[in-house]
PDB file of N, CA and C in Angstrom:
ATOM      1  N   MET A   1      -7.534  43.450 -35.144  1.00  0.00           N
ATOM      2  CA  MET A   1      -8.157  42.366 -34.421  1.00  0.00           C
ATOM      3  C   MET A   1      -7.154  41.798 -33.412  1.00  0.00           C
ATOM      4  N   THR A   2      -7.581  41.637 -32.175  1.00  0.00           N
ATOM      5  CA  THR A   2      -6.696  41.109 -31.152  1.00  0.00           C
ATOM      6  C   THR A   2      -6.797  39.587 -31.094  1.00  0.00           C
ATOM      7  N   ASN A   3      -5.710  38.970 -30.762  1.00  0.00           N
ATOM      8  CA  ASN A   3      -5.665  37.524 -30.639  1.00  0.00           C
ATOM      9  C   ASN A   3      -6.073  37.140 -29.219  1.00  0.00           C
ATOM     10  N   LYS A   4      -7.023  36.239 -29.087  1.00  0.00           N
ATOM     11  CA  LYS A   4      -7.464  35.800 -27.768  1.00  0.00           C
ATOM     12  C   LYS A   4      -6.411  34.916 -27.139  1.00  0.00           C
ATOM     13  N   LEU A   5      -6.328  34.978 -25.819  1.00  0.00           N
ATOM     14  CA  LEU A   5      -5.374  34.178 -25.066  1.00  0.00           C
ATOM     15  C   LEU A   5      -6.130  33.290 -24.094  1.00  0.00           C
ATOM     16  N   TYR A   6      -5.638  32.084 -23.918  1.00  0.00           N
ATOM     17  CA  TYR A   6      -6.284  31.111 -23.050  1.00  0.00           C
ATOM     18  C   TYR A   6      -5.334  30.657 -21.950  1.00  0.00           C
ATOM     19  N   SER A   7      -5.887  30.382 -20.780  1.00  0.00           N
ATOM     20  CA  SER A   7      -5.103  29.826 -19.682  1.00  0.00           C
ATOM     21  C   SER A   7      -4.973  28.315 -19.890  1.00  0.00           C
ATOM     22  N   THR A   8      -4.102  27.688 -19.133  1.00  0.00           N
ATOM     23  CA  THR A   8      -3.936  26.239 -19.275  1.00  0.00           C
ATOM     24  C   THR A   8      -5.210  25.471 -18.925  1.00  0.00           C
ATOM     25  N   PRO A   9      -5.986  25.856 -17.900  1.00  0.00           N
ATOM     26  CA  PRO A   9      -7.242  25.137 -17.649  1.00  0.00           C
ATOM     27  C   PRO A   9      -8.240  25.283 -18.815  1.00  0.00           C
ATOM     28  N   GLU A  10      -8.270  26.463 -19.427  1.00  0.00           N
ATOM     29  CA  GLU A  10      -9.161  26.670 -20.569  1.00  0.00           C
ATOM     30  C   GLU A  10      -8.734  25.807 -21.753  1.00  0.00           C
ATOM     31  N   VAL A  11      -7.432  25.726 -22.000  1.00  0.00           N
ATOM     32  CA  VAL A  11      -6.915  24.899 -23.090  1.00  0.00           C
ATOM     33  C   VAL A  11      -7.243  23.432 -22.826  1.00  0.00           C
ATOM     34  N   ALA A  12      -7.080  23.020 -21.584  1.00  0.00           N
ATOM     35  CA  ALA A  12      -7.404  21.637 -21.222  1.00  0.00           C
ATOM     36  C   ALA A  12      -8.870  21.331 -21.509  1.00  0.00           C
ATOM     37  N   LYS A  13      -9.741  22.255 -21.152  1.00  0.00           N
ATOM     38  CA  LYS A  13     -11.171  22.066 -21.385  1.00  0.00           C
ATOM     39  C   LYS A  13     -11.468  22.016 -22.890  1.00  0.00           C
ATOM     40  N   ILE A  14     -10.875  22.914 -23.642  1.00  0.00           N
ATOM     41  CA  ILE A  14     -11.097  22.966 -25.089  1.00  0.00           C
ATOM     42  C   ILE A  14     -10.650  21.674 -25.756  1.00  0.00           C
ATOM     43  N   LEU A  15      -9.477  21.183 -25.361  1.00  0.00           N
ATOM     44  CA  LEU A  15      -8.909  19.994 -25.997  1.00  0.00           C
ATOM     45  C   LEU A  15      -9.419  18.689 -25.405  1.00  0.00           C
ATOM     46  N   GLY A  16     -10.095  18.787 -24.261  1.00  0.00           N
ATOM     47  CA  GLY A  16     -10.602  17.580 -23.621  1.00  0.00           C
ATOM     48  C   GLY A  16      -9.503  16.730 -23.003  1.00  0.00           C
ATOM     49  N   ILE A  17      -8.479  17.417 -22.480  1.00  0.00           N
ATOM     50  CA  ILE A  17      -7.358  16.726 -21.832  1.00  0.00           C
ATOM     51  C   ILE A  17      -7.130  17.343 -20.460  1.00  0.00           C
ATOM     52  N   SER A  18      -6.257  16.740 -19.665  1.00  0.00           N
ATOM     53  CA  SER A  18      -5.971  17.280 -18.338  1.00  0.00           C
ATOM     54  C   SER A  18      -5.030  18.483 -18.428  1.00  0.00           C
ATOM     55  N   ARG A  19      -4.985  19.248 -17.342  1.00  0.00           N
ATOM     56  CA  ARG A  19      -4.044  20.373 -17.276  1.00  0.00           C
ATOM     57  C   ARG A  19      -2.611  19.868 -17.356  1.00  0.00           C
ATOM     58  N   ILE A  20      -2.362  18.730 -16.721  1.00  0.00           N
ATOM     59  CA  ILE A  20      -1.024  18.146 -16.746  1.00  0.00           C
ATOM     60  C   ILE A  20      -0.610  17.829 -18.180  1.00  0.00           C
ATOM     61  N   ALA A  21      -1.547  17.309 -18.973  1.00  0.00           N
ATOM     62  CA  ALA A  21      -1.256  17.003 -20.380  1.00  0.00           C
ATOM     63  C   ALA A  21      -0.928  18.278 -21.152  1.00  0.00           C
ATOM     64  N   VAL A  22      -1.607  19.375 -20.818  1.00  0.00           N
ATOM     65  CA  VAL A  22      -1.309  20.661 -21.465  1.00  0.00           C
ATOM     66  C   VAL A  22       0.114  21.090 -21.107  1.00  0.00           C
ATOM     67  N   PHE A  23       0.474  20.979 -19.821  1.00  0.00           N
ATOM     68  CA  PHE A  23       1.836  21.340 -19.400  1.00  0.00           C
ATOM     69  C   PHE A  23       2.882  20.479 -20.107  1.00  0.00           C
ATOM     70  N   LYS A  24       2.585  19.199 -20.287  1.00  0.00           N
ATOM     71  CA  LYS A  24       3.519  18.302 -20.983  1.00  0.00           C
ATOM     72  C   LYS A  24       3.697  18.728 -22.433  1.00  0.00           C
ATOM     73  N   LYS A  25       2.603  19.151 -23.092  1.00  0.00           N
ATOM     74  CA  LYS A  25       2.687  19.609 -24.473  1.00  0.00           C
ATOM     75  C   LYS A  25       3.516  20.896 -24.558  1.00  0.00           C
ATOM     76  N   ILE A  26       3.373  21.764 -23.567  1.00  0.00           N
ATOM     77  CA  ILE A  26       4.156  23.003 -23.534  1.00  0.00           C
ATOM     78  C   ILE A  26       5.636  22.669 -23.335  1.00  0.00           C
ATOM     79  N   LYS A  27       5.912  21.820 -22.361  1.00  0.00           N
ATOM     80  CA  LYS A  27       7.299  21.469 -22.043  1.00  0.00           C
ATOM     81  C   LYS A  27       7.989  20.762 -23.208  1.00  0.00           C
ATOM     82  N   SER A  28       7.247  19.928 -23.943  1.00  0.00           N
ATOM     83  CA  SER A  28       7.836  19.188 -25.064  1.00  0.00           C
ATOM     84  C   SER A  28       7.968  20.043 -26.326  1.00  0.00           C
ATOM     85  N   GLY A  29       7.361  21.242 -26.294  1.00  0.00           N
ATOM     86  CA  GLY A  29       7.445  22.121 -27.455  1.00  0.00           C
ATOM     87  C   GLY A  29       6.342  21.902 -28.471  1.00  0.00           C
ATOM     88  N   LYS A  30       5.407  21.015 -28.173  1.00  0.00           N
ATOM     89  CA  LYS A  30       4.293  20.771 -29.099  1.00  0.00           C
ATOM     90  C   LYS A  30       3.280  21.908 -29.079  1.00  0.00           C
ATOM     91  N   LEU A  31       3.289  22.669 -27.993  1.00  0.00           N
ATOM     92  CA  LEU A  31       2.362  23.780 -27.841  1.00  0.00           C
ATOM     93  C   LEU A  31       3.154  24.979 -27.336  1.00  0.00           C
ATOM     94  N   GLU A  32       3.132  26.063 -28.094  1.00  0.00           N
ATOM     95  CA  GLU A  32       3.869  27.266 -27.725  1.00  0.00           C
ATOM     96  C   GLU A  32       3.053  28.077 -26.725  1.00  0.00           C
ATOM     97  N   ALA A  33       3.691  28.481 -25.637  1.00  0.00           N
ATOM     98  CA  ALA A  33       3.003  29.243 -24.595  1.00  0.00           C
ATOM     99  C   ALA A  33       3.952  30.266 -23.998  1.00  0.00           C
ATOM    100  N   VAL A  34       3.352  31.247 -23.321  1.00  0.00           N
ATOM    101  CA  VAL A  34       4.130  32.290 -22.658  1.00  0.00           C
ATOM    102  C   VAL A  34       3.878  32.164 -21.159  1.00  0.00           C
ATOM    103  N   LYS A  35       4.953  32.149 -20.386  1.00  0.00           N
ATOM    104  CA  LYS A  35       4.837  32.050 -18.925  1.00  0.00           C
ATOM    105  C   LYS A  35       4.423  33.408 -18.378  1.00  0.00           C
ATOM    106  N   VAL A  36       3.369  33.393 -17.578  1.00  0.00           N
ATOM    107  CA  VAL A  36       2.887  34.600 -16.915  1.00  0.00           C
ATOM    108  C   VAL A  36       2.711  34.247 -15.441  1.00  0.00           C
ATOM    109  N   GLY A  37       3.577  34.778 -14.618  1.00  0.00           N
ATOM    110  CA  GLY A  37       3.543  34.414 -13.201  1.00  0.00           C
ATOM    111  C   GLY A  37       3.876  32.946 -13.052  1.00  0.00           C
ATOM    112  N   LYS A  38       2.986  32.204 -12.394  1.00  0.00           N
ATOM    113  CA  LYS A  38       3.196  30.767 -12.209  1.00  0.00           C
ATOM    114  C   LYS A  38       2.532  29.944 -13.302  1.00  0.00           C
ATOM    115  N   GLY A  39       1.736  30.580 -14.140  1.00  0.00           N
ATOM    116  CA  GLY A  39       1.009  29.858 -15.177  1.00  0.00           C
ATOM    117  C   GLY A  39       1.473  30.195 -16.578  1.00  0.00           C
ATOM    118  N   TYR A  40       0.735  29.692 -17.544  1.00  0.00           N
ATOM    119  CA  TYR A  40       1.033  29.937 -18.948  1.00  0.00           C
ATOM    120  C   TYR A  40      -0.219  30.442 -19.645  1.00  0.00           C
ATOM    121  N   ILE A  41      -0.006  31.182 -20.726  1.00  0.00           N
ATOM    122  CA  ILE A  41      -1.105  31.555 -21.611  1.00  0.00           C
ATOM    123  C   ILE A  41      -0.758  31.072 -23.012  1.00  0.00           C
ATOM    124  N   ILE A  42      -1.793  30.680 -23.725  1.00  0.00           N
ATOM    125  CA  ILE A  42      -1.631  30.144 -25.071  1.00  0.00           C
ATOM    126  C   ILE A  42      -2.551  30.952 -25.984  1.00  0.00           C
ATOM    127  N   SER A  43      -2.018  31.386 -27.113  1.00  0.00           N
ATOM    128  CA  SER A  43      -2.821  32.193 -28.030  1.00  0.00           C
ATOM    129  C   SER A  43      -3.767  31.306 -28.835  1.00  0.00           C
ATOM    130  N   LYS A  44      -4.865  31.911 -29.251  1.00  0.00           N
ATOM    131  CA  LYS A  44      -5.833  31.199 -30.081  1.00  0.00           C
ATOM    132  C   LYS A  44      -5.173  30.782 -31.396  1.00  0.00           C
ATOM    133  N   ASP A  45      -4.300  31.634 -31.938  1.00  0.00           N
ATOM    134  CA  ASP A  45      -3.599  31.296 -33.174  1.00  0.00           C
ATOM    135  C   ASP A  45      -2.767  30.029 -33.012  1.00  0.00           C
ATOM    136  N   GLU A  46      -2.097  29.896 -31.861  1.00  0.00           N
ATOM    137  CA  GLU A  46      -1.290  28.708 -31.593  1.00  0.00           C
ATOM    138  C   GLU A  46      -2.172  27.467 -31.519  1.00  0.00           C
ATOM    139  N   LEU A  47      -3.300  27.598 -30.848  1.00  0.00           N
ATOM    140  CA  LEU A  47      -4.220  26.459 -30.778  1.00  0.00           C
ATOM    141  C   LEU A  47      -4.756  26.101 -32.154  1.00  0.00           C
ATOM    142  N   MET A  48      -5.094  27.110 -32.927  1.00  0.00           N
ATOM    143  CA  MET A  48      -5.623  26.869 -34.272  1.00  0.00           C
ATOM    144  C   MET A  48      -4.585  26.174 -35.142  1.00  0.00           C
ATOM    145  N   LYS A  49      -3.335  26.545 -34.981  1.00  0.00           N
ATOM    146  CA  LYS A  49      -2.274  25.966 -35.784  1.00  0.00           C
ATOM    147  C   LYS A  49      -2.174  24.459 -35.535  1.00  0.00           C
ATOM    148  N   HIS A  50      -2.301  24.051 -34.279  1.00  0.00           N
ATOM    149  CA  HIS A  50      -2.101  22.655 -33.926  1.00  0.00           C
ATOM    150  C   HIS A  50      -3.384  21.851 -33.768  1.00  0.00           C
ATOM    151  N   TYR A  51      -4.474  22.529 -33.449  1.00  0.00           N
ATOM    152  CA  TYR A  51      -5.696  21.807 -33.102  1.00  0.00           C
ATOM    153  C   TYR A  51      -6.917  22.359 -33.836  1.00  0.00           C
ATOM    154  N   ARG A  52      -6.746  22.695 -35.094  1.00  0.00           N
ATOM    155  CA  ARG A  52      -7.798  23.330 -35.885  1.00  0.00           C
ATOM    156  C   ARG A  52      -9.116  22.555 -35.863  1.00  0.00           C
ATOM    157  N   ILE A  53      -9.079  21.288 -36.062  1.00  0.00           N
ATOM    158  CA  ILE A  53     -10.302  20.494 -36.137  1.00  0.00           C
ATOM    159  C   ILE A  53     -11.010  20.465 -34.788  1.00  0.00           C
ATOM    160  N   LYS A  54     -10.264  20.228 -33.737  1.00  0.00           N
ATOM    161  CA  LYS A  54     -10.847  20.159 -32.391  1.00  0.00           C
ATOM    162  C   LYS A  54     -11.506  21.484 -32.022  1.00  0.00           C
ATOM    163  N   LEU A  55     -10.847  22.603 -32.306  1.00  0.00           N
ATOM    164  CA  LEU A  55     -11.399  23.910 -31.974  1.00  0.00           C
ATOM    165  C   LEU A  55     -12.655  24.216 -32.774  1.00  0.00           C
ATOM    166  N   ALA A  56     -12.701  23.795 -34.004  1.00  0.00           N
ATOM    167  CA  ALA A  56     -13.891  24.044 -34.829  1.00  0.00           C
ATOM    168  C   ALA A  56     -15.107  23.373 -34.211  1.00  0.00           C
ATOM    169  N   LYS A  57     -14.926  22.175 -33.707  1.00  0.00           N
ATOM    170  CA  LYS A  57     -16.027  21.457 -33.069  1.00  0.00           C
ATOM    171  C   LYS A  57     -16.450  22.144 -31.770  1.00  0.00           C
ATOM    172  N   VAL A  58     -15.485  22.585 -30.981  1.00  0.00           N
ATOM    173  CA  VAL A  58     -15.777  23.220 -29.701  1.00  0.00           C
ATOM    174  C   VAL A  58     -16.400  24.596 -29.914  1.00  0.00           C
ATOM    175  N   ALA A  59     -15.897  25.340 -30.885  1.00  0.00           N
ATOM    176  CA  ALA A  59     -16.394  26.696 -31.139  1.00  0.00           C
ATOM    177  C   ALA A  59     -17.885  26.683 -31.452  1.00  0.00           C
ATOM    178  N   LYS A  60     -18.345  25.654 -32.114  1.00  0.00           N
ATOM    179  CA  LYS A  60     -19.769  25.551 -32.432  1.00  0.00           C
ATOM    180  C   LYS A  60     -20.600  25.390 -31.169  1.00  0.00           C
ATOM    181  N   LYS A  61     -20.014  24.801 -30.127  1.00  0.00           N
ATOM    182  CA  LYS A  61     -20.720  24.570 -28.870  1.00  0.00           C
ATOM    183  C   LYS A  61     -20.564  25.723 -27.889  1.00  0.00           C
ATOM    184  N   MET A  62     -19.573  26.607 -28.108  1.00  0.00           N
ATOM    185  CA  MET A  62     -19.276  27.687 -27.175  1.00  0.00           C
ATOM    186  C   MET A  62     -20.355  28.765 -27.252  1.00  0.00           C
ATOM    187  N   THR A  63     -20.858  29.156 -26.090  1.00  0.00           N
ATOM    188  CA  THR A  63     -21.858  30.210 -26.048  1.00  0.00           C
ATOM    189  C   THR A  63     -21.172  31.563 -26.223  1.00  0.00           C
ATOM    190  N   PRO A  64     -21.908  32.566 -26.674  1.00  0.00           N
ATOM    191  CA  PRO A  64     -21.312  33.905 -26.810  1.00  0.00           C
ATOM    192  C   PRO A  64     -20.727  34.414 -25.490  1.00  0.00           C
ATOM    193  N   GLU A  65     -21.358  34.066 -24.353  1.00  0.00           N
ATOM    194  CA  GLU A  65     -20.871  34.508 -23.052  1.00  0.00           C
ATOM    195  C   GLU A  65     -19.502  33.888 -22.749  1.00  0.00           C
ATOM    196  N   GLU A  66     -19.329  32.609 -23.068  1.00  0.00           N
ATOM    197  CA  GLU A  66     -18.034  31.954 -22.849  1.00  0.00           C
ATOM    198  C   GLU A  66     -16.968  32.585 -23.734  1.00  0.00           C
ATOM    199  N   ASP A  67     -17.319  32.840 -24.980  1.00  0.00           N
ATOM    200  CA  ASP A  67     -16.377  33.426 -25.922  1.00  0.00           C
ATOM    201  C   ASP A  67     -15.952  34.819 -25.471  1.00  0.00           C
ATOM    202  N   GLU A  68     -16.908  35.635 -25.008  1.00  0.00           N
ATOM    203  CA  GLU A  68     -16.590  36.991 -24.551  1.00  0.00           C
ATOM    204  C   GLU A  68     -15.758  36.958 -23.276  1.00  0.00           C
ATOM    205  N   GLY A  69     -15.986  35.980 -22.411  1.00  0.00           N
ATOM    206  CA  GLY A  69     -15.254  35.875 -21.155  1.00  0.00           C
ATOM    207  C   GLY A  69     -13.766  35.675 -21.366  1.00  0.00           C
ATOM    208  N   LEU A  70     -13.380  35.173 -22.524  1.00  0.00           N
ATOM    209  CA  LEU A  70     -11.978  34.929 -22.792  1.00  0.00           C
ATOM    210  C   LEU A  70     -11.235  36.204 -23.162  1.00  0.00           C
ATOM    211  N   ASP A  71     -11.964  37.290 -23.397  1.00  0.00           N
ATOM    212  CA  ASP A  71     -11.331  38.559 -23.756  1.00  0.00           C
ATOM    213  C   ASP A  71     -10.581  39.197 -22.578  1.00  0.00           C
ATOM    214  N   ARG A  72     -10.807  38.709 -21.368  1.00  0.00           N
ATOM    215  CA  ARG A  72     -10.165  39.308 -20.197  1.00  0.00           C
ATOM    216  C   ARG A  72      -8.665  39.106 -20.183  1.00  0.00           C
ATOM    217  N   PHE A  73      -8.173  38.166 -20.948  1.00  0.00           N
ATOM    218  CA  PHE A  73      -6.741  37.903 -21.009  1.00  0.00           C
ATOM    219  C   PHE A  73      -6.166  38.858 -21.997  1.00  0.00           C
TER     220      PHE A  73
END
């Protein structure tokens, strides 16, 4: 099973925070991310580790098309 990866805008949308807030969490070490080009990617496992409750609520609202679209990373 492959681990899904999310961009910073996707993480911001999932968590209901701004992109800047996501960058601050990455910079402070609260959220582990990998730099790719000028942006970052965050694994679903990392999000689950820190934001399990929030993701459970969002996952129930996510359509299959949105979920499949994240496989491109």
